[in-house]
Amino acid sequence: MTISAPRYATNEGVIDSILPALGAAVLNAVDAVGEVTLTVARTSIVDVCRTLRDDFAYQQLMEIAGVDYPQREERFEVVYHLLSLTKNHRIRVKLSTDENKPVPSVTGLWPVAGWLEREVFDMYGVLFDGNPDLRRILTDYGFRGHPFRKDFPLSGYTEMRYSEEHKRVIYEPVSLAQDFRTFDFLSPWEGTEYRLPGDEKVEGQAPGAQTPAPAGEKK
């Protein structure tokens, strides 16, 4: 069965042609699982992206994503996904940083990066130098913390609800009414530690019950 979608161009020769143009800005280049990934120096990201756009026809910035590795000295990776429409090929560019070192903004190359950088800032706390409007975009302006960091609690720090008393939305510390924190995560087939009324019959005779007489004997 044939597929109507166009096939992506091969990765053959892509790294060999790009490396001489980028020089020392590239720290590592790999071709794995059908994808080309370039790891570049943080301060060189604008020059790298400009070269890929102007000289190698990667016209579109499709996405900017973040990754958190708390065990690393520079715990965050910022990943840029570029698309060449003319060559029908994609390439990934990534860099490392921490919560204090700003990443140069690529909004001068692709204006759409303004929104994408704000998402990474909101979710991870990565700073972007040169972004004209670096503020939260997915959470509230008064939100505390960055939800996609590995050390951010699953329940968050505060919860939001509408108060009939105050006639407005209010924030208050998280309170879990259910027994979520002591849930044992065992399936019914593995057995749980819950005791329900009547469970004592499984372990032995119910309280107050008489021992049944053997068949054929009188009580």
N, C-alpha and C. Protein backbone atom coordinates (compact mmCIF):
# COMPACT_ATOMS: atom_id res chain seq x y z
N MET A 1 0.85 -1.20 0.00
CA MET A 1 0.00 0.00 0.00
C MET A 1 0.88 1.24 0.00
N THR A 2 0.64 2.15 -0.92
CA THR A 2 1.43 3.37 -1.01
C THR A 2 0.85 4.46 -0.10
N ILE A 3 1.73 5.35 0.36
CA ILE A 3 1.33 6.45 1.23
C ILE A 3 1.39 7.74 0.42
N SER A 4 0.31 8.53 0.51
CA SER A 4 0.23 9.75 -0.29
C SER A 4 1.12 10.86 0.25
N ALA A 5 1.47 10.80 1.54
CA ALA A 5 2.29 11.85 2.14
C ALA A 5 3.69 11.84 1.53
N PRO A 6 4.28 13.00 1.31
CA PRO A 6 5.62 13.04 0.70
C PRO A 6 6.66 12.47 1.66
N ARG A 7 7.65 11.81 1.12
CA ARG A 7 8.72 11.24 1.91
C ARG A 7 9.78 12.31 2.20
N TYR A 8 10.24 12.33 3.45
CA TYR A 8 11.27 13.30 3.82
C TYR A 8 12.57 13.00 3.10
N ALA A 9 13.33 14.05 2.86
CA ALA A 9 14.62 13.89 2.20
C ALA A 9 15.58 13.13 3.10
N THR A 10 16.54 12.48 2.52
CA THR A 10 17.51 11.70 3.27
C THR A 10 18.45 12.60 4.08
N ASN A 11 18.99 12.03 5.16
CA ASN A 11 19.95 12.77 5.98
C ASN A 11 21.37 12.63 5.46
N GLU A 12 21.56 11.90 4.42
CA GLU A 12 22.90 11.64 3.91
C GLU A 12 23.58 12.93 3.45
N GLY A 13 24.76 13.19 4.01
CA GLY A 13 25.54 14.36 3.64
C GLY A 13 25.12 15.65 4.31
N VAL A 14 24.05 15.64 5.11
CA VAL A 14 23.56 16.89 5.73
C VAL A 14 24.58 17.41 6.74
N ILE A 15 25.05 16.56 7.65
CA ILE A 15 26.00 17.01 8.67
C ILE A 15 27.30 17.44 8.04
N ASP A 16 27.79 16.70 7.06
CA ASP A 16 29.07 17.03 6.42
C ASP A 16 29.02 18.38 5.72
N SER A 17 27.87 18.74 5.21
CA SER A 17 27.76 20.03 4.51
C SER A 17 27.56 21.20 5.47
N ILE A 18 26.96 20.93 6.62
CA ILE A 18 26.66 22.01 7.56
C ILE A 18 27.84 22.34 8.47
N LEU A 19 28.57 21.34 8.93
CA LEU A 19 29.63 21.57 9.91
C LEU A 19 30.67 22.60 9.47
N PRO A 20 31.17 22.56 8.24
CA PRO A 20 32.16 23.58 7.86
C PRO A 20 31.63 25.01 7.95
N ALA A 21 30.35 25.20 7.71
CA ALA A 21 29.78 26.54 7.74
C ALA A 21 29.59 27.05 9.17
N LEU A 22 29.33 26.15 10.11
CA LEU A 22 29.08 26.56 11.49
C LEU A 22 30.34 26.55 12.34
N GLY A 23 31.32 25.77 11.98
CA GLY A 23 32.60 25.79 12.67
C GLY A 23 32.52 25.40 14.13
N ALA A 24 33.21 26.19 14.98
CA ALA A 24 33.33 25.87 16.41
C ALA A 24 32.03 26.05 17.17
N ALA A 25 31.01 26.64 16.56
CA ALA A 25 29.74 26.81 17.26
C ALA A 25 29.05 25.49 17.53
N VAL A 26 29.37 24.45 16.75
CA VAL A 26 28.76 23.13 16.92
C VAL A 26 29.60 22.32 17.89
N LEU A 27 28.98 21.89 18.99
CA LEU A 27 29.67 21.07 19.99
C LEU A 27 29.54 19.59 19.69
N ASN A 28 28.44 19.21 19.05
CA ASN A 28 28.22 17.80 18.72
C ASN A 28 27.17 17.72 17.61
N ALA A 29 27.31 16.71 16.76
CA ALA A 29 26.35 16.50 15.68
C ALA A 29 26.13 15.00 15.53
N VAL A 30 24.85 14.58 15.56
CA VAL A 30 24.54 13.16 15.46
C VAL A 30 23.39 12.97 14.49
N ASP A 31 23.40 11.81 13.86
CA ASP A 31 22.30 11.36 13.00
C ASP A 31 21.80 10.05 13.60
N ALA A 32 20.71 10.12 14.35
CA ALA A 32 20.18 8.96 15.05
C ALA A 32 18.68 8.88 14.84
N VAL A 33 18.17 7.64 14.75
CA VAL A 33 16.74 7.34 14.54
C VAL A 33 16.15 8.22 13.44
N GLY A 34 16.92 8.45 12.41
CA GLY A 34 16.41 9.20 11.27
C GLY A 34 16.34 10.69 11.45
N GLU A 35 16.98 11.24 12.49
CA GLU A 35 16.91 12.67 12.76
C GLU A 35 18.31 13.23 12.97
N VAL A 36 18.55 14.43 12.44
CA VAL A 36 19.83 15.11 12.61
C VAL A 36 19.69 16.10 13.76
N THR A 37 20.59 16.02 14.73
CA THR A 37 20.58 16.90 15.89
C THR A 37 21.93 17.56 16.04
N LEU A 38 21.92 18.89 16.14
CA LEU A 38 23.14 19.67 16.36
C LEU A 38 23.09 20.26 17.75
N THR A 39 24.13 20.03 18.54
CA THR A 39 24.27 20.66 19.85
C THR A 39 25.24 21.82 19.69
N VAL A 40 24.80 23.03 20.02
CA VAL A 40 25.59 24.22 19.75
C VAL A 40 25.83 24.99 21.04
N ALA A 41 26.79 25.91 20.99
CA ALA A 41 27.07 26.78 22.12
C ALA A 41 25.90 27.75 22.32
N ARG A 42 25.59 28.02 23.58
CA ARG A 42 24.44 28.87 23.90
C ARG A 42 24.57 30.25 23.26
N THR A 43 25.74 30.85 23.32
CA THR A 43 25.90 32.21 22.81
C THR A 43 25.89 32.29 21.29
N SER A 44 25.96 31.15 20.62
CA SER A 44 26.02 31.14 19.15
C SER A 44 24.70 30.79 18.49
N ILE A 45 23.64 30.66 19.26
CA ILE A 45 22.39 30.13 18.71
C ILE A 45 21.83 31.03 17.60
N VAL A 46 21.94 32.34 17.74
CA VAL A 46 21.38 33.24 16.72
C VAL A 46 22.16 33.09 15.41
N ASP A 47 23.48 33.06 15.48
CA ASP A 47 24.29 32.91 14.27
C ASP A 47 24.05 31.56 13.62
N VAL A 48 23.92 30.51 14.43
CA VAL A 48 23.67 29.18 13.87
C VAL A 48 22.32 29.16 13.15
N CYS A 49 21.30 29.67 13.77
CA CYS A 49 19.97 29.66 13.15
C CYS A 49 19.94 30.53 11.90
N ARG A 50 20.64 31.65 11.92
CA ARG A 50 20.68 32.51 10.72
C ARG A 50 21.36 31.79 9.57
N THR A 51 22.45 31.10 9.86
CA THR A 51 23.15 30.37 8.81
C THR A 51 22.28 29.24 8.25
N LEU A 52 21.59 28.51 9.13
CA LEU A 52 20.73 27.43 8.68
C LEU A 52 19.55 27.96 7.86
N ARG A 53 19.06 29.13 8.21
CA ARG A 53 17.94 29.71 7.46
C ARG A 53 18.38 30.26 6.11
N ASP A 54 19.47 31.03 6.09
CA ASP A 54 19.86 31.76 4.88
C ASP A 54 20.69 30.90 3.92
N ASP A 55 21.57 30.04 4.47
CA ASP A 55 22.48 29.30 3.60
C ASP A 55 22.05 27.87 3.33
N PHE A 56 21.18 27.31 4.19
CA PHE A 56 20.78 25.91 4.02
C PHE A 56 19.27 25.75 3.89
N ALA A 57 18.55 26.86 3.73
CA ALA A 57 17.12 26.85 3.38
C ALA A 57 16.22 26.21 4.42
N TYR A 58 16.57 26.33 5.71
CA TYR A 58 15.63 25.92 6.76
C TYR A 58 14.81 27.15 7.13
N GLN A 59 13.74 27.36 6.35
CA GLN A 59 13.04 28.63 6.41
C GLN A 59 12.17 28.79 7.65
N GLN A 60 11.64 27.72 8.17
CA GLN A 60 10.62 27.83 9.22
C GLN A 60 11.11 27.30 10.56
N LEU A 61 10.78 28.06 11.60
CA LEU A 61 10.95 27.60 12.98
C LEU A 61 9.62 26.99 13.42
N MET A 62 9.60 25.68 13.60
CA MET A 62 8.35 25.00 13.90
C MET A 62 8.04 24.96 15.40
N GLU A 63 9.07 24.86 16.24
CA GLU A 63 8.83 24.70 17.67
C GLU A 63 10.10 25.01 18.45
N ILE A 64 9.91 25.49 19.68
CA ILE A 64 10.99 25.59 20.67
C ILE A 64 10.51 24.85 21.90
N ALA A 65 11.27 23.87 22.34
CA ALA A 65 10.88 23.05 23.48
C ALA A 65 11.95 23.11 24.55
N GLY A 66 11.57 22.74 25.76
CA GLY A 66 12.51 22.69 26.88
C GLY A 66 12.58 21.29 27.45
N VAL A 67 13.72 20.96 28.07
CA VAL A 67 13.92 19.69 28.76
C VAL A 67 14.66 20.00 30.06
N ASP A 68 14.30 19.29 31.12
CA ASP A 68 14.92 19.52 32.42
C ASP A 68 15.70 18.29 32.85
N TYR A 69 16.99 18.46 33.13
CA TYR A 69 17.84 17.41 33.68
C TYR A 69 18.42 17.94 35.00
N PRO A 70 17.73 17.75 36.12
CA PRO A 70 18.17 18.37 37.39
C PRO A 70 19.56 17.95 37.83
N GLN A 71 20.03 16.76 37.42
CA GLN A 71 21.33 16.29 37.86
C GLN A 71 22.48 16.98 37.14
N ARG A 72 22.23 17.70 36.07
CA ARG A 72 23.29 18.38 35.32
C ARG A 72 23.59 19.74 35.93
N GLU A 73 24.81 20.22 35.69
CA GLU A 73 25.17 21.57 36.14
C GLU A 73 24.34 22.60 35.40
N GLU A 74 24.23 22.46 34.09
CA GLU A 74 23.29 23.27 33.31
C GLU A 74 22.08 22.39 33.04
N ARG A 75 21.07 22.53 33.86
CA ARG A 75 20.00 21.55 33.91
C ARG A 75 19.02 21.61 32.75
N PHE A 76 18.97 22.72 32.02
CA PHE A 76 17.96 22.87 30.97
C PHE A 76 18.58 22.73 29.59
N GLU A 77 17.80 22.10 28.70
CA GLU A 77 18.10 22.11 27.28
C GLU A 77 16.98 22.84 26.56
N VAL A 78 17.35 23.72 25.64
CA VAL A 78 16.39 24.41 24.78
C VAL A 78 16.57 23.84 23.38
N VAL A 79 15.48 23.34 22.81
CA VAL A 79 15.53 22.60 21.55
C VAL A 79 14.73 23.34 20.48
N TYR A 80 15.38 23.60 19.35
CA TYR A 80 14.77 24.30 18.22
C TYR A 80 14.54 23.30 17.09
N HIS A 81 13.32 23.29 16.55
CA HIS A 81 12.97 22.40 15.45
C HIS A 81 12.77 23.24 14.18
N LEU A 82 13.61 23.01 13.19
CA LEU A 82 13.58 23.79 11.95
C LEU A 82 13.13 22.92 10.80
N LEU A 83 12.42 23.55 9.85
CA LEU A 83 11.89 22.85 8.68
C LEU A 83 12.31 23.56 7.41
N SER A 84 12.80 22.78 6.45
CA SER A 84 13.07 23.30 5.11
C SER A 84 11.94 22.87 4.18
N LEU A 85 11.19 23.84 3.68
CA LEU A 85 10.09 23.54 2.77
C LEU A 85 10.61 23.12 1.39
N THR A 86 11.68 23.74 0.96
CA THR A 86 12.20 23.46 -0.37
C THR A 86 12.89 22.09 -0.45
N LYS A 87 13.51 21.67 0.66
CA LYS A 87 14.20 20.38 0.68
C LYS A 87 13.38 19.29 1.36
N ASN A 88 12.24 19.67 1.94
CA ASN A 88 11.40 18.71 2.66
C ASN A 88 12.23 17.96 3.71
N HIS A 89 12.89 18.74 4.56
CA HIS A 89 13.79 18.15 5.55
C HIS A 89 13.70 18.92 6.87
N ARG A 90 13.87 18.19 7.94
CA ARG A 90 13.86 18.79 9.28
C ARG A 90 15.21 18.61 9.95
N ILE A 91 15.52 19.55 10.85
CA ILE A 91 16.75 19.47 11.62
C ILE A 91 16.48 20.01 13.03
N ARG A 92 17.19 19.46 14.00
CA ARG A 92 17.01 19.86 15.39
C ARG A 92 18.30 20.51 15.89
N VAL A 93 18.15 21.65 16.57
CA VAL A 93 19.28 22.36 17.17
C VAL A 93 18.99 22.53 18.65
N LYS A 94 19.97 22.18 19.49
CA LYS A 94 19.74 22.30 20.92
C LYS A 94 20.96 22.89 21.62
N LEU A 95 20.70 23.46 22.81
CA LEU A 95 21.75 24.06 23.63
C LEU A 95 21.43 23.83 25.10
N SER A 96 22.42 24.07 25.95
CA SER A 96 22.25 23.88 27.39
C SER A 96 22.38 25.22 28.10
N THR A 97 21.65 25.35 29.21
CA THR A 97 21.72 26.56 30.02
C THR A 97 21.20 26.24 31.42
N ASP A 98 21.21 27.23 32.30
CA ASP A 98 20.64 27.07 33.63
C ASP A 98 19.63 28.19 33.86
N GLU A 99 19.18 28.33 35.11
CA GLU A 99 18.13 29.31 35.38
C GLU A 99 18.67 30.74 35.46
N ASN A 100 19.98 30.92 35.40
CA ASN A 100 20.55 32.26 35.51
C ASN A 100 21.14 32.77 34.19
N LYS A 101 21.61 31.87 33.32
CA LYS A 101 22.24 32.29 32.08
C LYS A 101 21.19 32.47 30.99
N PRO A 102 21.00 33.68 30.48
CA PRO A 102 19.97 33.88 29.45
C PRO A 102 20.40 33.33 28.10
N VAL A 103 19.42 32.89 27.34
CA VAL A 103 19.64 32.39 25.98
C VAL A 103 19.32 33.52 25.01
N PRO A 104 20.19 33.83 24.06
CA PRO A 104 19.87 34.88 23.07
C PRO A 104 18.59 34.55 22.32
N SER A 105 17.73 35.53 22.19
CA SER A 105 16.44 35.33 21.52
C SER A 105 16.62 35.29 20.01
N VAL A 106 15.81 34.45 19.36
CA VAL A 106 15.82 34.36 17.88
C VAL A 106 14.60 35.06 17.29
N THR A 107 13.99 35.97 18.07
CA THR A 107 12.82 36.69 17.55
C THR A 107 13.20 37.59 16.37
N GLY A 108 14.46 37.98 16.26
CA GLY A 108 14.88 38.78 15.12
C GLY A 108 14.92 37.98 13.83
N LEU A 109 14.98 36.65 13.93
CA LEU A 109 14.96 35.79 12.75
C LEU A 109 13.56 35.30 12.44
N TRP A 110 12.83 34.90 13.48
CA TRP A 110 11.46 34.42 13.34
C TRP A 110 10.61 35.09 14.42
N PRO A 111 9.73 36.02 14.07
CA PRO A 111 8.90 36.68 15.07
C PRO A 111 8.06 35.71 15.90
N VAL A 112 7.69 34.55 15.32
CA VAL A 112 6.88 33.58 16.07
C VAL A 112 7.63 33.06 17.29
N ALA A 113 8.96 33.20 17.31
CA ALA A 113 9.73 32.73 18.46
C ALA A 113 9.37 33.46 19.73
N GLY A 114 8.78 34.64 19.61
CA GLY A 114 8.37 35.37 20.81
C GLY A 114 7.41 34.57 21.67
N TRP A 115 6.42 33.95 21.05
CA TRP A 115 5.46 33.14 21.78
C TRP A 115 6.09 31.84 22.28
N LEU A 116 6.91 31.23 21.43
CA LEU A 116 7.52 29.94 21.80
C LEU A 116 8.51 30.10 22.95
N GLU A 117 9.27 31.18 22.94
CA GLU A 117 10.21 31.43 24.05
C GLU A 117 9.46 31.73 25.34
N ARG A 118 8.33 32.38 25.25
CA ARG A 118 7.54 32.64 26.45
C ARG A 118 7.02 31.35 27.06
N GLU A 119 6.67 30.38 26.23
CA GLU A 119 6.23 29.09 26.76
C GLU A 119 7.34 28.39 27.54
N VAL A 120 8.56 28.39 26.97
CA VAL A 120 9.68 27.76 27.66
C VAL A 120 10.00 28.52 28.95
N PHE A 121 9.93 29.83 28.92
CA PHE A 121 10.15 30.62 30.13
C PHE A 121 9.11 30.31 31.19
N ASP A 122 7.85 30.21 30.78
CA ASP A 122 6.77 29.95 31.72
C ASP A 122 6.89 28.57 32.34
N MET A 123 7.15 27.55 31.55
CA MET A 123 7.15 26.17 32.03
C MET A 123 8.45 25.78 32.74
N TYR A 124 9.59 26.36 32.33
CA TYR A 124 10.90 25.95 32.86
C TYR A 124 11.65 27.06 33.58
N GLY A 125 11.33 28.31 33.30
CA GLY A 125 12.06 29.41 33.92
C GLY A 125 13.31 29.80 33.17
N VAL A 126 13.48 29.37 31.92
CA VAL A 126 14.64 29.75 31.12
C VAL A 126 14.48 31.20 30.65
N LEU A 127 15.53 31.99 30.80
CA LEU A 127 15.49 33.39 30.40
C LEU A 127 15.97 33.53 28.95
N PHE A 128 15.35 34.47 28.22
CA PHE A 128 15.72 34.73 26.83
C PHE A 128 16.07 36.21 26.69
N ASP A 129 17.34 36.46 26.38
CA ASP A 129 17.83 37.83 26.24
C ASP A 129 17.43 38.37 24.88
N GLY A 130 16.69 39.48 24.88
CA GLY A 130 16.26 40.10 23.64
C GLY A 130 14.81 39.87 23.29
N ASN A 131 14.12 39.01 24.03
CA ASN A 131 12.69 38.83 23.79
C ASN A 131 11.95 40.08 24.25
N PRO A 132 11.17 40.72 23.39
CA PRO A 132 10.57 42.01 23.74
C PRO A 132 9.41 41.91 24.73
N ASP A 133 8.91 40.70 25.00
CA ASP A 133 7.75 40.57 25.88
C ASP A 133 7.83 39.27 26.66
N LEU A 134 8.88 39.10 27.44
CA LEU A 134 9.11 37.85 28.15
C LEU A 134 8.29 37.83 29.43
N ARG A 135 7.10 37.26 29.35
CA ARG A 135 6.23 37.09 30.52
C ARG A 135 5.45 35.80 30.35
N ARG A 136 4.78 35.39 31.42
CA ARG A 136 4.05 34.13 31.40
C ARG A 136 2.98 34.15 30.32
N ILE A 137 2.72 32.94 29.76
CA ILE A 137 1.75 32.85 28.68
C ILE A 137 0.74 31.72 28.90
N LEU A 138 1.10 30.68 29.64
CA LEU A 138 0.21 29.55 29.88
C LEU A 138 -0.33 29.51 31.30
N THR A 139 0.35 30.12 32.24
CA THR A 139 -0.12 30.18 33.62
C THR A 139 -0.50 31.61 33.96
N ASP A 140 -1.05 31.80 35.15
CA ASP A 140 -1.45 33.14 35.59
C ASP A 140 -0.21 33.96 35.90
N TYR A 141 -0.36 35.29 35.88
CA TYR A 141 0.78 36.17 36.12
C TYR A 141 1.31 36.04 37.54
N GLY A 142 0.45 35.67 38.48
CA GLY A 142 0.88 35.50 39.86
C GLY A 142 1.29 34.09 40.20
N PHE A 143 1.42 33.23 39.20
CA PHE A 143 1.76 31.83 39.44
C PHE A 143 3.16 31.73 40.01
N ARG A 144 3.34 30.81 40.97
CA ARG A 144 4.64 30.62 41.61
C ARG A 144 5.26 29.31 41.14
N GLY A 145 6.49 29.38 40.66
CA GLY A 145 7.18 28.19 40.19
C GLY A 145 7.01 27.96 38.70
N HIS A 146 7.61 26.87 38.23
CA HIS A 146 7.58 26.52 36.80
C HIS A 146 7.17 25.04 36.69
N PRO A 147 5.97 24.76 36.17
CA PRO A 147 5.36 23.43 36.28
C PRO A 147 6.13 22.29 35.63
N PHE A 148 6.93 22.54 34.60
CA PHE A 148 7.61 21.43 33.90
C PHE A 148 8.97 21.08 34.50
N ARG A 149 9.37 21.76 35.55
CA ARG A 149 10.60 21.36 36.23
C ARG A 149 10.36 20.06 36.99
N LYS A 150 11.37 19.21 37.02
CA LYS A 150 11.21 17.90 37.64
C LYS A 150 10.97 18.00 39.14
N ASP A 151 11.42 19.08 39.78
CA ASP A 151 11.24 19.22 41.23
C ASP A 151 9.97 19.97 41.59
N PHE A 152 9.12 20.26 40.61
CA PHE A 152 7.84 20.93 40.90
C PHE A 152 6.84 19.88 41.37
N PRO A 153 6.16 20.08 42.52
CA PRO A 153 5.23 19.05 43.03
C PRO A 153 4.04 18.84 42.10
N LEU A 154 3.56 17.58 42.04
CA LEU A 154 2.44 17.26 41.17
C LEU A 154 1.19 18.04 41.54
N SER A 155 1.00 18.30 42.82
CA SER A 155 -0.20 19.00 43.26
C SER A 155 -0.05 20.51 43.19
N GLY A 156 1.17 21.01 42.90
CA GLY A 156 1.39 22.44 42.87
C GLY A 156 1.49 23.02 44.28
N TYR A 157 1.55 24.34 44.36
CA TYR A 157 1.65 25.01 45.66
C TYR A 157 0.33 25.63 46.08
N THR A 158 -0.45 26.10 45.13
CA THR A 158 -1.73 26.73 45.43
C THR A 158 -2.81 26.18 44.50
N GLU A 159 -4.05 26.35 44.91
CA GLU A 159 -5.18 25.97 44.07
C GLU A 159 -6.12 27.16 43.96
N MET A 160 -6.89 27.16 42.89
CA MET A 160 -7.76 28.29 42.58
C MET A 160 -9.21 27.84 42.59
N ARG A 161 -10.08 28.65 43.16
CA ARG A 161 -11.52 28.35 43.17
C ARG A 161 -12.30 29.65 43.25
N TYR A 162 -13.59 29.55 42.89
CA TYR A 162 -14.45 30.72 42.98
C TYR A 162 -15.09 30.76 44.36
N SER A 163 -15.00 31.89 45.05
CA SER A 163 -15.55 32.04 46.40
C SER A 163 -16.86 32.82 46.33
N GLU A 164 -17.92 32.18 46.79
CA GLU A 164 -19.21 32.88 46.86
C GLU A 164 -19.16 33.99 47.90
N GLU A 165 -18.35 33.80 48.92
CA GLU A 165 -18.25 34.81 49.98
C GLU A 165 -17.60 36.09 49.46
N HIS A 166 -16.50 35.91 48.69
CA HIS A 166 -15.79 37.08 48.18
C HIS A 166 -16.26 37.49 46.79
N LYS A 167 -17.06 36.63 46.14
CA LYS A 167 -17.57 36.91 44.80
C LYS A 167 -16.44 37.10 43.79
N ARG A 168 -15.40 36.28 43.92
CA ARG A 168 -14.28 36.36 43.00
C ARG A 168 -13.47 35.07 43.10
N VAL A 169 -12.53 34.92 42.18
CA VAL A 169 -11.62 33.78 42.21
C VAL A 169 -10.53 34.04 43.24
N ILE A 170 -10.28 33.06 44.11
CA ILE A 170 -9.26 33.22 45.14
C ILE A 170 -8.25 32.08 45.04
N TYR A 171 -7.07 32.32 45.59
CA TYR A 171 -6.01 31.32 45.67
C TYR A 171 -5.82 30.93 47.12
N GLU A 172 -5.56 29.66 47.35
CA GLU A 172 -5.31 29.16 48.70
C GLU A 172 -4.40 27.95 48.62
N PRO A 173 -3.75 27.61 49.74
CA PRO A 173 -2.85 26.44 49.72
C PRO A 173 -3.59 25.18 49.32
N VAL A 174 -2.87 24.28 48.64
CA VAL A 174 -3.46 23.03 48.17
C VAL A 174 -3.88 22.18 49.35
N SER A 175 -5.10 21.66 49.32
CA SER A 175 -5.58 20.72 50.32
C SER A 175 -6.24 19.56 49.60
N LEU A 176 -5.74 18.36 49.84
CA LEU A 176 -6.26 17.17 49.19
C LEU A 176 -7.26 16.50 50.13
N ALA A 177 -8.53 16.57 49.76
CA ALA A 177 -9.56 16.01 50.62
C ALA A 177 -9.55 14.48 50.58
N GLN A 178 -9.16 13.90 49.49
CA GLN A 178 -9.13 12.45 49.37
C GLN A 178 -7.82 11.90 49.92
N ASP A 179 -7.77 10.57 50.07
CA ASP A 179 -6.55 9.94 50.60
C ASP A 179 -5.54 9.72 49.49
N PHE A 180 -5.21 10.79 48.79
CA PHE A 180 -4.30 10.66 47.65
C PHE A 180 -2.88 10.37 48.11
N ARG A 181 -2.45 11.01 49.18
CA ARG A 181 -1.06 10.89 49.60
C ARG A 181 -0.73 9.51 50.15
N THR A 182 -1.72 8.75 50.61
CA THR A 182 -1.45 7.42 51.17
C THR A 182 -1.93 6.30 50.25
N PHE A 183 -2.21 6.63 49.00
CA PHE A 183 -2.67 5.61 48.06
C PHE A 183 -1.53 4.64 47.79
N ASP A 184 -1.83 3.32 47.82
CA ASP A 184 -0.78 2.32 47.72
C ASP A 184 -0.48 1.87 46.29
N PHE A 185 -1.28 2.35 45.30
CA PHE A 185 -1.04 2.09 43.88
C PHE A 185 -1.10 0.60 43.52
N LEU A 186 -1.71 -0.24 44.37
CA LEU A 186 -1.84 -1.65 44.06
C LEU A 186 -3.16 -1.91 43.34
N SER A 187 -3.14 -2.79 42.37
CA SER A 187 -4.37 -3.13 41.68
C SER A 187 -5.17 -4.12 42.52
N PRO A 188 -6.47 -4.27 42.27
CA PRO A 188 -7.26 -5.23 43.04
C PRO A 188 -6.75 -6.66 42.92
N TRP A 189 -6.09 -6.98 41.81
CA TRP A 189 -5.58 -8.35 41.64
C TRP A 189 -4.33 -8.58 42.49
N GLU A 190 -3.58 -7.50 42.79
CA GLU A 190 -2.40 -7.64 43.62
C GLU A 190 -2.74 -7.59 45.11
N GLY A 191 -3.91 -7.10 45.42
CA GLY A 191 -4.33 -7.02 46.82
C GLY A 191 -4.05 -5.66 47.41
N THR A 192 -4.95 -5.17 48.22
CA THR A 192 -4.78 -3.89 48.88
C THR A 192 -4.84 -4.10 50.39
N GLU A 193 -4.56 -3.03 51.11
CA GLU A 193 -4.57 -3.09 52.57
C GLU A 193 -5.89 -2.58 53.15
N TYR A 194 -6.86 -2.30 52.32
CA TYR A 194 -8.13 -1.79 52.82
C TYR A 194 -8.93 -2.93 53.47
N ARG A 195 -9.60 -2.65 54.58
CA ARG A 195 -10.48 -3.61 55.24
C ARG A 195 -11.89 -3.08 55.18
N LEU A 196 -12.77 -3.88 54.60
CA LEU A 196 -14.16 -3.51 54.46
C LEU A 196 -15.00 -4.39 55.39
N PRO A 197 -16.20 -3.94 55.77
CA PRO A 197 -17.07 -4.77 56.61
C PRO A 197 -17.33 -6.13 55.97
N GLY A 198 -17.09 -7.18 56.73
CA GLY A 198 -17.26 -8.53 56.23
C GLY A 198 -15.96 -9.21 55.86
N ASP A 199 -14.85 -8.48 55.85
CA ASP A 199 -13.56 -9.08 55.50
C ASP A 199 -13.13 -10.12 56.52
N GLU A 200 -13.64 -10.02 57.75
CA GLU A 200 -13.22 -10.99 58.77
C GLU A 200 -13.71 -12.40 58.45
N LYS A 201 -14.72 -12.54 57.60
CA LYS A 201 -15.21 -13.86 57.24
C LYS A 201 -14.20 -14.63 56.39
N VAL A 202 -13.38 -13.90 55.67
CA VAL A 202 -12.39 -14.55 54.84
C VAL A 202 -11.28 -15.15 55.70
N GLU A 203 -10.93 -14.47 56.77
CA GLU A 203 -9.84 -14.91 57.62
C GLU A 203 -10.27 -16.01 58.59
N GLY A 204 -11.53 -16.06 58.92
CA GLY A 204 -12.01 -17.05 59.88
C GLY A 204 -13.51 -17.02 59.98
N GLN A 205 -14.00 -17.48 61.10
CA GLN A 205 -15.45 -17.54 61.30
C GLN A 205 -15.96 -16.19 61.75
N ALA A 206 -17.12 -15.81 61.29
CA ALA A 206 -17.72 -14.55 61.69
C ALA A 206 -18.00 -14.56 63.18
N PRO A 207 -17.86 -13.44 63.88
CA PRO A 207 -18.13 -13.39 65.32
C PRO A 207 -19.56 -13.82 65.65
N GLY A 208 -19.70 -14.74 66.67
CA GLY A 208 -21.02 -15.18 67.12
C GLY A 208 -21.62 -16.29 66.32
N ALA A 209 -20.96 -16.72 65.25
CA ALA A 209 -21.52 -17.80 64.43
C ALA A 209 -21.17 -19.15 65.04
N GLN A 210 -22.06 -20.13 64.88
CA GLN A 210 -21.84 -21.48 65.40
C GLN A 210 -21.16 -22.34 64.35
N THR A 211 -20.35 -23.27 64.82
CA THR A 211 -19.67 -24.18 63.90
C THR A 211 -20.68 -25.15 63.34
N PRO A 212 -20.81 -25.26 62.01
CA PRO A 212 -21.80 -26.17 61.42
C PRO A 212 -21.43 -27.61 61.72
N ALA A 213 -22.47 -28.42 61.96
CA ALA A 213 -22.26 -29.84 62.26
C ALA A 213 -21.93 -30.58 60.98
N PRO A 214 -21.09 -31.65 61.08
CA PRO A 214 -20.80 -32.45 59.89
C PRO A 214 -22.06 -33.09 59.30
N ALA A 215 -22.04 -33.39 58.04
CA ALA A 215 -23.22 -33.98 57.40
C ALA A 215 -23.53 -35.33 58.03
N GLY A 216 -24.81 -35.59 58.30
CA GLY A 216 -25.27 -36.86 58.88
C GLY A 216 -25.29 -36.87 60.39
N GLU A 217 -24.80 -35.85 61.06
CA GLU A 217 -24.84 -35.78 62.52
C GLU A 217 -25.89 -34.81 62.98
N LYS A 218 -26.46 -35.11 64.15
CA LYS A 218 -27.45 -34.23 64.73
C LYS A 218 -26.77 -33.21 65.62
N LYS A 219 -27.36 -32.04 65.71
CA LYS A 219 -26.84 -30.99 66.59
C LYS A 219 -27.10 -31.38 68.05
